[in-house]
Structure formats: C-alpha cells, structure tokens
Amino acid sequence: MARPLTKKHEVMDAALTLFMRKGIKATTTRDIALRAGISEGTIYRHFESKEDLAESIFETNLQYFSRFLKGYLKNTSGPEEMLRAFVEGFFEFSRREQRRYGFIMAAHQTELKKLSREKMKPKQMLTKILRLGQAKGVFRKMNLRLAGAMVWGTIMQTIFYQKSGRIPVSYERVVREVSDTCLRMVKKNP
C-alpha cells in the first residue's frame, strides 16, 4: 500500500493545480488550503508565504526536469548524440509530465521570471552540450547564448504548436525533425 502524501506535498500539489488553473497572483492561500483539505495555517508551517510556496514548487519541478534530462543524456557519446537525446528528453518531459512542464514554462511569464533565469539547469545542460560540440570541432563556433536560444526556441515553439494541434504529423516524426533541425543549426558542416 502506498504511503500517504505528507501535508507539505499535499499543499504543493494543491497549489500547483491552482497556480496552473488561476495563476499565482489570483490564487489565495485559502484556495490552496481548501483544495488540500487542510487549515490555512498548515501552509505556513511549511512555507513562509505563497511566493515561497510557488518558488519551492518551481525549484522542485525544475530539479525533476533536470534529472529527467540527465537520464536521457546518461548513455550518450559525443555532442551530436547528446543534442539529439536532449531534444528527445525535452519532448518526452513535456508529454509525460504536462503539469510540471506547464508550470516551469509558465514561470517565465510570471513573478518567478527572475528565479527561472537564475536556476534553469536544463539551459545550462544545453550550453554544456553546445560548448563540448564546439570544442570537439563538431559544432561551428558561434555565440553560445545565441546557439542555445535558437535550439531552445525551436524546441519550445514546436512543443507549443504540437500541443495545440497545429502540427498534423506523428510525435516521433516531430521529435526526429526537430532534432535534425537543431543539429543543422549548430553543426560545422551540415
């Protein structure tokens, strides 16, 4: 039999659901308490404020996303294979972990924008892959922030279009095409 969630996890789960539905600003601690089936004071035993709760949810989900991507990168060799694995892992995370993915991506548009810039480990992973590819002479020399933005933007925009039903091709083909496109953008001799 599964162990029941701790109150802290119940609070975080309820808050995540409400933040995704209503936004952080519009969600009150009373809303969270009602959703979690607890008293409002219980929230403050675990978190200093609603903002602290939102930051904690963001950090927890970002760490999960980072571990998820590391799992895809674990058995790769070489920057090309690593970039393909990164793209595939990113797409899989968005598909399997929709709430987590949605919250992380929404953080860029909310009060958590500054925090998301500081702690975005997946972007750091991508930069390492690109740096390695440049060092090995596989990827062309270009500004790493620009290269990262091009790859990141391609992945993000494609996921957005795919989730909204605007890309009428199979998931597997989308991932393959995006991987190929990202490689062509950064490879020395595409």
Protein backbone atom coordinates (compact mmCIF):
# COMPACT_ATOMS: atom_id res chain seq x y z
CA MET A 1 0.00 0.00 0.00
CA ALA A 2 1.35 3.44 -0.94
CA ARG A 3 2.29 5.84 1.84
CA PRO A 4 0.01 8.85 2.13
CA LEU A 5 1.48 12.14 0.97
CA THR A 6 2.82 14.43 3.65
CA LYS A 7 0.95 17.66 4.33
CA LYS A 8 3.75 19.58 2.63
CA HIS A 9 3.33 17.53 -0.55
CA GLU A 10 -0.46 17.88 -0.36
CA VAL A 11 -0.04 21.66 -0.13
CA MET A 12 2.39 21.69 -3.05
CA ASP A 13 0.15 19.50 -5.19
CA ALA A 14 -2.94 21.60 -4.47
CA ALA A 15 -1.02 24.82 -5.12
CA LEU A 16 0.41 23.52 -8.39
CA THR A 17 -3.07 22.65 -9.64
CA LEU A 18 -4.44 26.06 -8.66
CA PHE A 19 -1.45 28.02 -9.93
CA MET A 20 -1.83 26.32 -13.30
CA ARG A 21 -5.56 27.00 -13.39
CA LYS A 22 -5.76 30.52 -11.93
CA GLY A 23 -2.22 31.84 -11.87
CA ILE A 24 -0.06 32.55 -8.85
CA LYS A 25 -1.40 36.05 -8.19
CA ALA A 26 -5.07 35.06 -8.38
CA THR A 27 -4.65 32.01 -6.12
CA THR A 28 -5.06 32.66 -2.40
CA THR A 29 -3.69 30.61 0.47
CA ARG A 30 -7.31 30.00 1.42
CA ASP A 31 -7.91 28.45 -2.03
CA ILE A 32 -4.88 26.21 -1.54
CA ALA A 33 -5.98 25.15 1.94
CA LEU A 34 -9.49 24.29 0.71
CA ARG A 35 -8.11 22.29 -2.22
CA ALA A 36 -5.66 20.42 0.04
CA GLY A 37 -8.28 19.82 2.74
CA ILE A 38 -6.20 21.49 5.44
CA SER A 39 -6.31 24.62 7.55
CA GLU A 40 -4.73 27.74 6.10
CA GLY A 41 -2.25 27.81 8.99
CA THR A 42 -0.83 24.45 7.90
CA ILE A 43 0.56 26.11 4.78
CA TYR A 44 2.60 28.47 6.94
CA ARG A 45 4.13 25.59 8.87
CA HIS A 46 5.89 24.57 5.66
CA PHE A 47 6.23 27.83 3.71
CA GLU A 48 6.83 31.45 4.70
CA SER A 49 4.45 32.82 2.09
CA LYS A 50 2.53 31.96 -1.06
CA GLU A 51 5.52 33.23 -3.04
CA ASP A 52 7.83 30.92 -1.09
CA LEU A 53 5.46 28.05 -1.91
CA ALA A 54 5.50 28.96 -5.63
CA GLU A 55 9.30 29.13 -5.62
CA SER A 56 9.51 25.77 -3.88
CA ILE A 57 7.20 24.19 -6.46
CA PHE A 58 9.24 25.73 -9.26
CA GLU A 59 12.56 24.50 -7.84
CA THR A 60 11.20 21.01 -7.15
CA ASN A 61 9.83 20.67 -10.68
CA LEU A 62 12.95 22.13 -12.25
CA GLN A 63 15.12 19.63 -10.37
CA TYR A 64 12.82 16.86 -11.58
CA PHE A 65 13.12 18.13 -15.17
CA SER A 66 16.91 18.25 -14.85
CA ARG A 67 17.07 14.66 -13.55
CA PHE A 68 14.72 13.58 -16.33
CA LEU A 69 17.00 15.10 -18.99
CA LYS A 70 20.13 13.65 -17.34
CA GLY A 71 18.54 10.23 -17.71
CA TYR A 72 18.33 10.79 -21.46
CA LEU A 73 21.91 12.04 -21.64
CA LYS A 74 23.38 9.30 -19.45
CA ASN A 75 24.46 6.80 -22.11
CA THR A 76 25.28 9.19 -24.93
CA SER A 77 28.65 9.64 -26.53
CA GLY A 78 29.54 12.72 -28.48
CA PRO A 79 27.85 16.10 -28.82
CA GLU A 80 25.57 15.16 -31.73
CA GLU A 81 24.10 12.22 -29.86
CA MET A 82 23.83 14.35 -26.72
CA LEU A 83 21.92 17.07 -28.55
CA ARG A 84 19.52 14.50 -30.03
CA ALA A 85 18.99 12.99 -26.56
CA PHE A 86 18.41 16.46 -25.09
CA VAL A 87 15.73 17.23 -27.69
CA GLU A 88 14.06 13.84 -27.21
CA GLY A 89 14.16 14.17 -23.41
CA PHE A 90 12.68 17.67 -23.58
CA PHE A 91 9.79 16.46 -25.73
CA GLU A 92 9.20 13.41 -23.54
CA PHE A 93 9.13 15.51 -20.40
CA SER A 94 6.55 17.83 -21.96
CA ARG A 95 4.45 14.80 -22.90
CA ARG A 96 4.75 12.70 -19.73
CA GLU A 97 4.89 15.48 -17.15
CA GLN A 98 2.44 18.00 -18.54
CA ARG A 99 1.66 19.79 -15.27
CA ARG A 100 5.30 20.06 -14.27
CA TYR A 101 6.29 21.20 -17.76
CA GLY A 102 3.47 23.71 -17.90
CA PHE A 103 4.39 25.24 -14.56
CA ILE A 104 8.08 25.51 -15.39
CA MET A 105 7.35 27.17 -18.72
CA ALA A 106 4.69 29.46 -17.24
CA ALA A 107 7.24 30.63 -14.68
CA HIS A 108 8.97 32.58 -17.44
CA GLN A 109 5.86 34.76 -17.73
CA THR A 110 5.15 35.24 -14.02
CA GLU A 111 6.58 36.58 -10.81
CA LEU A 112 9.05 33.68 -10.96
CA LYS A 113 10.72 35.03 -14.12
CA LYS A 114 13.89 36.15 -12.30
CA LEU A 115 14.17 32.87 -10.43
CA SER A 116 13.68 30.87 -13.61
CA ARG A 117 16.56 32.71 -15.30
CA GLU A 118 18.88 32.03 -12.38
CA LYS A 119 18.10 28.37 -11.85
CA MET A 120 17.33 26.96 -15.30
CA LYS A 121 19.58 23.90 -15.18
CA PRO A 122 18.27 22.45 -18.46
CA LYS A 123 19.53 25.57 -20.27
CA GLN A 124 22.90 25.06 -18.61
CA MET A 125 22.91 21.45 -19.81
CA LEU A 126 22.24 22.62 -23.35
CA THR A 127 25.05 25.16 -23.13
CA LYS A 128 27.46 22.42 -21.99
CA ILE A 129 26.46 20.25 -24.95
CA LEU A 130 26.98 23.13 -27.36
CA ARG A 131 30.31 24.09 -25.76
CA LEU A 132 31.51 20.48 -25.99
CA GLY A 133 30.47 20.30 -29.65
CA GLN A 134 32.40 23.47 -30.40
CA ALA A 135 35.47 22.24 -28.51
CA LYS A 136 35.45 18.98 -30.47
CA GLY A 137 35.04 20.82 -33.76
CA VAL A 138 31.65 19.23 -34.46
CA PHE A 139 29.59 22.38 -33.90
CA ARG A 140 30.53 25.66 -35.50
CA LYS A 141 31.91 28.48 -33.42
CA MET A 142 29.13 30.88 -32.57
CA ASN A 143 27.92 32.71 -29.51
CA LEU A 144 26.70 30.05 -27.06
CA ARG A 145 23.75 32.14 -25.89
CA LEU A 146 22.62 32.63 -29.46
CA ALA A 147 23.04 28.94 -30.30
CA GLY A 148 21.22 27.96 -27.10
CA ALA A 149 18.38 30.38 -27.81
CA MET A 150 17.99 29.01 -31.33
CA VAL A 151 17.83 25.39 -30.16
CA TRP A 152 15.69 26.15 -27.09
CA GLY A 153 13.28 28.30 -29.09
CA THR A 154 12.89 25.67 -31.79
CA ILE A 155 12.05 23.01 -29.21
CA MET A 156 9.68 25.21 -27.20
CA GLN A 157 7.77 26.63 -30.15
CA THR A 158 7.36 23.21 -31.73
CA ILE A 159 6.04 21.75 -28.47
CA PHE A 160 3.59 24.64 -28.23
CA TYR A 161 2.34 24.08 -31.78
CA GLN A 162 2.18 20.33 -31.31
CA LYS A 163 0.20 20.59 -28.06
CA SER A 164 -2.25 22.98 -29.68
CA GLY A 165 -2.86 20.53 -32.54
CA ARG A 166 -1.27 22.67 -35.24
CA ILE A 167 1.22 20.04 -36.39
CA PRO A 168 -0.62 17.13 -38.04
CA VAL A 169 2.28 14.64 -38.04
CA SER A 170 3.27 11.86 -35.67
CA TYR A 171 5.02 12.63 -32.40
CA GLU A 172 8.02 10.53 -33.43
CA ARG A 173 8.41 12.44 -36.69
CA VAL A 174 8.18 15.78 -34.89
CA VAL A 175 10.95 14.79 -32.46
CA ARG A 176 13.13 13.46 -35.29
CA GLU A 177 12.62 16.58 -37.44
CA VAL A 178 13.32 18.95 -34.54
CA SER A 179 16.48 17.00 -33.64
CA ASP A 180 17.66 17.17 -37.25
CA THR A 181 16.87 20.88 -37.46
CA CYS A 182 18.68 21.69 -34.22
CA LEU A 183 21.74 19.78 -35.40
CA ARG A 184 21.72 21.58 -38.75
CA MET A 185 21.59 24.93 -36.93
CA VAL A 186 24.76 24.27 -34.94
CA LYS A 187 26.80 21.74 -36.93
CA LYS A 188 30.01 22.85 -38.56
CA ASN A 189 29.26 21.14 -41.87
CA PRO A 190 25.53 20.47 -42.04
